Amino acid sequence: MTQLVDVQEANARLAALLVAVEAGEEVIIARGGRPVARLVAMQDGSRREMGFVGYRVPDSFFEPLPEDELAAWKQ
């Protein structure tokens, strides 16, 4: 279910609106009757693997650059 609330009501009832969002509801916040924001539950906060490329960055990628390459970047 979706609730439509104005900014003042959202400000006054934020804790209750968060409880509703955690329960699966969606809250639309409006200013002057015009929707401006949507409050929804966060997705699982676990970190995602980058899976769009079949490539693994080698550990050497994270090593410091040699002095001559580093100097070229500082120009």
Protein backbone atom coordinates (compact mmCIF):
# COMPACT_ATOMS: atom_id res chain seq x y z
CA MET A 1 0.00 0.00 0.00
CA THR A 2 1.19 3.54 -0.74
CA GLN A 3 0.66 6.47 1.60
CA LEU A 4 0.71 10.08 0.40
CA VAL A 5 1.78 12.56 3.09
CA ASP A 6 2.77 16.20 2.97
CA VAL A 7 6.12 17.45 4.24
CA GLN A 8 4.80 18.69 7.57
CA GLU A 9 3.07 15.39 8.31
CA ALA A 10 6.17 13.43 7.28
CA ASN A 11 8.28 15.57 9.60
CA ALA A 12 5.90 15.07 12.52
CA ARG A 13 5.41 11.31 11.94
CA LEU A 14 8.80 10.21 10.62
CA ALA A 15 9.28 7.40 13.15
CA ALA A 16 5.83 5.95 12.40
CA LEU A 17 6.40 6.26 8.65
CA LEU A 18 9.68 4.37 8.97
CA VAL A 19 7.86 1.56 10.77
CA ALA A 20 5.34 1.43 7.92
CA VAL A 21 8.13 1.37 5.33
CA GLU A 22 9.88 -1.46 7.19
CA ALA A 23 6.59 -3.36 7.00
CA GLY A 24 6.63 -3.07 3.21
CA GLU A 25 4.66 0.11 2.58
CA GLU A 26 5.75 2.93 0.31
CA VAL A 27 5.40 6.54 1.40
CA ILE A 28 5.19 9.39 -1.10
CA ILE A 29 6.09 12.80 0.34
CA ALA A 30 4.43 15.78 -1.32
CA ARG A 31 4.99 19.52 -1.19
CA GLY A 32 2.02 21.65 -2.12
CA GLY A 33 0.14 18.55 -3.27
CA ARG A 34 2.91 17.61 -5.74
CA PRO A 35 4.85 14.38 -5.05
CA VAL A 36 8.56 15.11 -4.61
CA ALA A 37 10.05 12.05 -2.87
CA ARG A 38 9.44 8.37 -2.32
CA LEU A 39 10.35 6.62 0.95
CA VAL A 40 10.95 2.89 0.49
CA ALA A 41 12.77 0.18 2.41
CA MET A 42 16.44 -0.34 1.69
CA GLN A 43 17.51 -3.43 -0.17
CA ASP A 44 19.68 -5.92 1.67
CA GLY A 45 22.72 -3.92 2.73
CA SER A 46 25.17 -6.71 2.04
CA ARG A 47 27.98 -5.89 -0.32
CA ARG A 48 27.55 -7.04 -3.92
CA GLU A 49 30.18 -8.68 -6.02
CA MET A 50 30.96 -6.91 -9.25
CA GLY A 51 29.61 -9.47 -11.65
CA PHE A 52 29.19 -7.68 -14.93
CA VAL A 53 32.64 -8.59 -16.23
CA GLY A 54 34.33 -11.97 -16.25
CA TYR A 55 37.61 -10.44 -15.12
CA ARG A 56 39.46 -10.36 -11.83
CA VAL A 57 41.70 -7.39 -11.04
CA PRO A 58 45.18 -8.73 -10.27
CA ASP A 59 46.68 -7.95 -6.87
CA SER A 60 49.51 -6.08 -8.62
CA PHE A 61 46.95 -3.44 -9.62
CA PHE A 62 46.95 -2.17 -6.03
CA GLU A 63 50.74 -1.92 -5.73
CA PRO A 64 52.35 1.55 -5.85
CA LEU A 65 53.28 2.86 -9.29
CA PRO A 66 56.94 2.87 -10.30
CA GLU A 67 58.55 6.32 -9.88
CA ASP A 68 58.75 7.02 -13.64
CA GLU A 69 55.01 6.31 -14.14
CA LEU A 70 54.10 8.30 -11.05
CA ALA A 71 56.14 11.25 -12.34
CA ALA A 72 54.24 11.12 -15.64
CA TRP A 73 50.92 11.53 -13.80
CA LYS A 74 52.20 14.52 -11.82
CA GLN A 75 52.95 16.61 -14.93
